[in-house]
Amino acid sequence: MKAYWIAHVDVTDPDQYSQYTQRAPKAFAEYGGRILARGGRSEAMEGRPTPQRSVVIEFDSYEQAVACYRSDLYQEAKGHRDGVARAEVIIVEGAAPV
């Protein structure tokens, strides 16, 4: 069953954050991740204020999504995001077709 990374990100240093955005897609690709939404227009309808960036990445399985996050390749990329962006990342398993 498919799984999704859902991330909300507020960036404080766009130049340094670009180091993350240049590296992270390599990890996503290695684990079969497909970016479905990244940035673009968004509007919070409930809950916290609209983040600067919202991201949705699809994986073929929950295990692949978790493995990608925990991988050395992604953690190295994430190191370039730490301290220059506030991120919330949730991995959620997709629903079975109705």
N, C-alpha and C. Protein backbone atom coordinates (compact mmCIF):
# COMPACT_ATOMS: atom_id res chain seq x y z
N MET A 1 0.83 -1.17 0.00
CA MET A 1 0.00 0.00 0.00
C MET A 1 0.88 1.25 0.00
N LYS A 2 0.52 2.23 -0.76
CA LYS A 2 1.31 3.45 -0.88
C LYS A 2 1.39 4.18 0.47
N ALA A 3 2.40 5.02 0.58
CA ALA A 3 2.58 5.86 1.77
C ALA A 3 3.04 7.23 1.30
N TYR A 4 2.87 8.21 2.16
CA TYR A 4 3.14 9.60 1.80
C TYR A 4 3.91 10.31 2.90
N TRP A 5 4.89 11.10 2.46
CA TRP A 5 5.48 12.08 3.36
C TRP A 5 4.62 13.32 3.19
N ILE A 6 4.21 13.91 4.29
CA ILE A 6 3.52 15.19 4.28
C ILE A 6 4.38 16.12 5.13
N ALA A 7 4.86 17.18 4.52
CA ALA A 7 5.77 18.09 5.23
C ALA A 7 5.28 19.52 5.11
N HIS A 8 5.44 20.24 6.20
CA HIS A 8 5.18 21.68 6.24
C HIS A 8 6.48 22.34 6.68
N VAL A 9 6.93 23.33 5.93
CA VAL A 9 8.25 23.90 6.16
C VAL A 9 8.18 25.42 6.12
N ASP A 10 8.83 26.04 7.11
CA ASP A 10 9.04 27.49 7.12
C ASP A 10 10.55 27.71 7.08
N VAL A 11 11.01 28.42 6.07
CA VAL A 11 12.43 28.61 5.81
C VAL A 11 12.89 29.95 6.35
N THR A 12 14.02 29.95 7.09
CA THR A 12 14.58 31.19 7.61
C THR A 12 15.83 31.65 6.86
N ASP A 13 16.47 30.73 6.14
CA ASP A 13 17.67 31.06 5.36
C ASP A 13 17.58 30.35 4.00
N PRO A 14 16.96 31.03 3.02
CA PRO A 14 16.75 30.39 1.71
C PRO A 14 18.03 29.92 1.03
N ASP A 15 19.13 30.65 1.18
CA ASP A 15 20.38 30.25 0.53
C ASP A 15 20.88 28.91 1.07
N GLN A 16 20.91 28.78 2.39
CA GLN A 16 21.36 27.52 2.99
C GLN A 16 20.35 26.41 2.73
N TYR A 17 19.06 26.73 2.74
CA TYR A 17 18.02 25.73 2.49
C TYR A 17 18.16 25.13 1.09
N SER A 18 18.66 25.91 0.16
CA SER A 18 18.85 25.41 -1.20
C SER A 18 19.83 24.24 -1.23
N GLN A 19 20.74 24.17 -0.26
CA GLN A 19 21.64 23.03 -0.18
C GLN A 19 20.85 21.75 0.11
N TYR A 20 19.80 21.88 0.92
CA TYR A 20 18.92 20.74 1.20
C TYR A 20 18.13 20.36 -0.05
N THR A 21 17.53 21.33 -0.72
CA THR A 21 16.68 21.03 -1.87
C THR A 21 17.47 20.48 -3.05
N GLN A 22 18.78 20.72 -3.08
CA GLN A 22 19.62 20.14 -4.13
C GLN A 22 19.95 18.68 -3.84
N ARG A 23 19.96 18.30 -2.57
CA ARG A 23 20.40 16.95 -2.19
C ARG A 23 19.26 15.98 -1.93
N ALA A 24 18.19 16.43 -1.30
CA ALA A 24 17.12 15.54 -0.87
C ALA A 24 16.48 14.74 -2.01
N PRO A 25 16.25 15.33 -3.19
CA PRO A 25 15.62 14.54 -4.26
C PRO A 25 16.38 13.27 -4.63
N LYS A 26 17.68 13.23 -4.42
CA LYS A 26 18.45 12.01 -4.69
C LYS A 26 17.99 10.88 -3.77
N ALA A 27 17.75 11.21 -2.51
CA ALA A 27 17.26 10.19 -1.57
C ALA A 27 15.86 9.75 -1.95
N PHE A 28 14.99 10.70 -2.31
CA PHE A 28 13.63 10.33 -2.70
C PHE A 28 13.66 9.36 -3.88
N ALA A 29 14.48 9.68 -4.87
CA ALA A 29 14.56 8.84 -6.07
C ALA A 29 15.09 7.45 -5.74
N GLU A 30 16.08 7.38 -4.86
CA GLU A 30 16.66 6.09 -4.50
C GLU A 30 15.63 5.16 -3.86
N TYR A 31 14.65 5.73 -3.18
CA TYR A 31 13.62 4.93 -2.50
C TYR A 31 12.28 4.96 -3.25
N GLY A 32 12.31 5.40 -4.50
CA GLY A 32 11.10 5.37 -5.32
C GLY A 32 10.11 6.47 -5.02
N GLY A 33 10.53 7.51 -4.33
CA GLY A 33 9.64 8.61 -3.99
C GLY A 33 9.32 9.47 -5.20
N ARG A 34 8.07 9.91 -5.27
CA ARG A 34 7.61 10.80 -6.34
C ARG A 34 7.02 12.05 -5.70
N ILE A 35 7.55 13.19 -6.04
CA ILE A 35 7.06 14.45 -5.48
C ILE A 35 5.74 14.79 -6.16
N LEU A 36 4.67 14.87 -5.36
CA LEU A 36 3.35 15.20 -5.87
C LEU A 36 3.03 16.68 -5.70
N ALA A 37 3.55 17.28 -4.65
CA ALA A 37 3.35 18.71 -4.40
C ALA A 37 4.59 19.24 -3.70
N ARG A 38 5.02 20.42 -4.11
CA ARG A 38 6.21 21.04 -3.50
C ARG A 38 6.09 22.54 -3.68
N GLY A 39 5.87 23.24 -2.57
CA GLY A 39 5.68 24.67 -2.68
C GLY A 39 4.34 24.95 -3.32
N GLY A 40 4.28 25.93 -4.16
CA GLY A 40 3.02 26.26 -4.82
C GLY A 40 2.04 26.91 -3.86
N ARG A 41 0.92 27.29 -4.40
CA ARG A 41 -0.09 27.96 -3.59
C ARG A 41 -0.71 27.00 -2.58
N SER A 42 -0.96 27.53 -1.39
CA SER A 42 -1.66 26.75 -0.37
C SER A 42 -2.35 27.72 0.58
N GLU A 43 -3.34 27.21 1.27
CA GLU A 43 -4.09 28.02 2.21
C GLU A 43 -4.56 27.12 3.35
N ALA A 44 -4.20 27.49 4.57
CA ALA A 44 -4.64 26.72 5.74
C ALA A 44 -6.12 26.99 5.97
N MET A 45 -6.90 25.94 6.01
CA MET A 45 -8.33 26.07 6.27
C MET A 45 -8.65 25.87 7.75
N GLU A 46 -7.80 25.11 8.44
CA GLU A 46 -7.94 24.88 9.88
C GLU A 46 -6.55 24.69 10.46
N GLY A 47 -6.45 24.86 11.76
CA GLY A 47 -5.18 24.59 12.43
C GLY A 47 -4.22 25.76 12.36
N ARG A 48 -2.96 25.42 12.25
CA ARG A 48 -1.92 26.46 12.30
C ARG A 48 -1.93 27.31 11.04
N PRO A 49 -1.27 28.47 11.09
CA PRO A 49 -1.19 29.32 9.89
C PRO A 49 -0.53 28.59 8.72
N THR A 50 -0.80 29.03 7.52
CA THR A 50 -0.24 28.42 6.32
C THR A 50 1.29 28.46 6.36
N PRO A 51 1.94 27.30 6.22
CA PRO A 51 3.40 27.29 6.17
C PRO A 51 3.89 27.87 4.84
N GLN A 52 5.15 28.24 4.80
CA GLN A 52 5.72 28.75 3.55
C GLN A 52 5.70 27.70 2.46
N ARG A 53 5.98 26.46 2.82
CA ARG A 53 6.04 25.37 1.85
C ARG A 53 5.30 24.16 2.39
N SER A 54 4.53 23.52 1.54
CA SER A 54 3.92 22.23 1.85
C SER A 54 4.40 21.25 0.79
N VAL A 55 4.72 20.04 1.23
CA VAL A 55 5.30 19.04 0.33
C VAL A 55 4.59 17.70 0.55
N VAL A 56 4.27 17.02 -0.55
CA VAL A 56 3.71 15.67 -0.48
C VAL A 56 4.55 14.78 -1.40
N ILE A 57 5.08 13.68 -0.84
CA ILE A 57 5.89 12.75 -1.61
C ILE A 57 5.27 11.36 -1.47
N GLU A 58 5.04 10.71 -2.60
CA GLU A 58 4.43 9.38 -2.61
C GLU A 58 5.50 8.29 -2.73
N PHE A 59 5.35 7.23 -1.94
CA PHE A 59 6.22 6.06 -2.00
C PHE A 59 5.34 4.83 -2.23
N ASP A 60 5.92 3.77 -2.74
CA ASP A 60 5.15 2.56 -3.01
C ASP A 60 4.74 1.82 -1.75
N SER A 61 5.44 2.06 -0.64
CA SER A 61 5.09 1.40 0.61
C SER A 61 5.51 2.26 1.80
N TYR A 62 4.89 1.97 2.93
CA TYR A 62 5.22 2.65 4.18
C TYR A 62 6.69 2.38 4.53
N GLU A 63 7.11 1.14 4.33
CA GLU A 63 8.49 0.75 4.65
C GLU A 63 9.50 1.55 3.84
N GLN A 64 9.22 1.76 2.55
CA GLN A 64 10.13 2.56 1.72
C GLN A 64 10.18 4.01 2.19
N ALA A 65 9.03 4.55 2.57
CA ALA A 65 8.98 5.93 3.04
C ALA A 65 9.80 6.12 4.30
N VAL A 66 9.66 5.19 5.24
CA VAL A 66 10.42 5.26 6.49
C VAL A 66 11.90 5.03 6.22
N ALA A 67 12.22 4.06 5.39
CA ALA A 67 13.63 3.77 5.07
C ALA A 67 14.30 4.98 4.42
N CYS A 68 13.58 5.68 3.57
CA CYS A 68 14.13 6.87 2.94
C CYS A 68 14.47 7.92 3.99
N TYR A 69 13.53 8.18 4.89
CA TYR A 69 13.78 9.18 5.93
C TYR A 69 14.98 8.81 6.79
N ARG A 70 15.10 7.56 7.13
CA ARG A 70 16.18 7.10 8.02
C ARG A 70 17.50 6.88 7.30
N SER A 71 17.50 6.94 5.97
CA SER A 71 18.72 6.65 5.20
C SER A 71 19.81 7.69 5.44
N ASP A 72 21.05 7.23 5.30
CA ASP A 72 22.20 8.14 5.43
C ASP A 72 22.11 9.25 4.38
N LEU A 73 21.67 8.91 3.18
CA LEU A 73 21.58 9.89 2.10
C LEU A 73 20.61 11.02 2.47
N TYR A 74 19.43 10.67 2.99
CA TYR A 74 18.48 11.71 3.37
C TYR A 74 18.96 12.47 4.61
N GLN A 75 19.50 11.78 5.58
CA GLN A 75 19.96 12.46 6.80
C GLN A 75 21.08 13.45 6.50
N GLU A 76 21.92 13.12 5.51
CA GLU A 76 22.96 14.08 5.11
C GLU A 76 22.32 15.32 4.51
N ALA A 77 21.32 15.13 3.66
CA ALA A 77 20.61 16.29 3.08
C ALA A 77 19.92 17.08 4.18
N LYS A 78 19.25 16.39 5.09
CA LYS A 78 18.53 17.04 6.18
C LYS A 78 19.45 17.90 7.03
N GLY A 79 20.70 17.49 7.17
CA GLY A 79 21.66 18.28 7.91
C GLY A 79 21.81 19.70 7.37
N HIS A 80 21.56 19.88 6.09
CA HIS A 80 21.64 21.21 5.47
C HIS A 80 20.37 22.02 5.73
N ARG A 81 19.31 21.36 6.17
CA ARG A 81 18.05 22.04 6.49
C ARG A 81 18.00 22.43 7.96
N ASP A 82 18.63 21.62 8.79
CA ASP A 82 18.61 21.86 10.24
C ASP A 82 19.16 23.25 10.55
N GLY A 83 18.41 23.98 11.36
CA GLY A 83 18.84 25.31 11.77
C GLY A 83 18.46 26.43 10.82
N VAL A 84 18.02 26.09 9.61
CA VAL A 84 17.64 27.14 8.64
C VAL A 84 16.20 27.00 8.18
N ALA A 85 15.48 26.03 8.77
CA ALA A 85 14.07 25.84 8.45
C ALA A 85 13.40 25.08 9.59
N ARG A 86 12.16 25.39 9.82
CA ARG A 86 11.35 24.63 10.78
C ARG A 86 10.48 23.69 9.97
N ALA A 87 10.64 22.39 10.19
CA ALA A 87 9.91 21.42 9.38
C ALA A 87 9.12 20.47 10.26
N GLU A 88 7.94 20.12 9.78
CA GLU A 88 7.12 19.05 10.35
C GLU A 88 6.98 18.02 9.25
N VAL A 89 7.42 16.79 9.51
CA VAL A 89 7.35 15.73 8.52
C VAL A 89 6.56 14.56 9.13
N ILE A 90 5.53 14.15 8.44
CA ILE A 90 4.71 13.02 8.88
C ILE A 90 4.70 12.00 7.75
N ILE A 91 4.84 10.73 8.11
CA ILE A 91 4.69 9.65 7.13
C ILE A 91 3.37 8.96 7.43
N VAL A 92 2.53 8.86 6.40
CA VAL A 92 1.21 8.26 6.58
C VAL A 92 0.96 7.21 5.50
N GLU A 93 0.41 6.08 5.94
CA GLU A 93 0.07 5.03 4.99
C GLU A 93 -1.21 5.41 4.25
N GLY A 94 -1.23 5.14 2.96
CA GLY A 94 -2.40 5.44 2.14
C GLY A 94 -3.58 4.57 2.51
N ALA A 95 -4.75 4.99 2.10
CA ALA A 95 -5.98 4.24 2.35
C ALA A 95 -6.20 3.21 1.26
N ALA A 96 -6.83 2.12 1.62
CA ALA A 96 -7.20 1.11 0.64
C ALA A 96 -8.28 1.67 -0.27
N PRO A 97 -8.25 1.33 -1.55
CA PRO A 97 -9.31 1.81 -2.45
C PRO A 97 -10.68 1.35 -1.98
N VAL A 98 -11.65 2.20 -2.18
CA VAL A 98 -13.02 1.88 -1.74
C VAL A 98 -13.77 1.20 -2.86
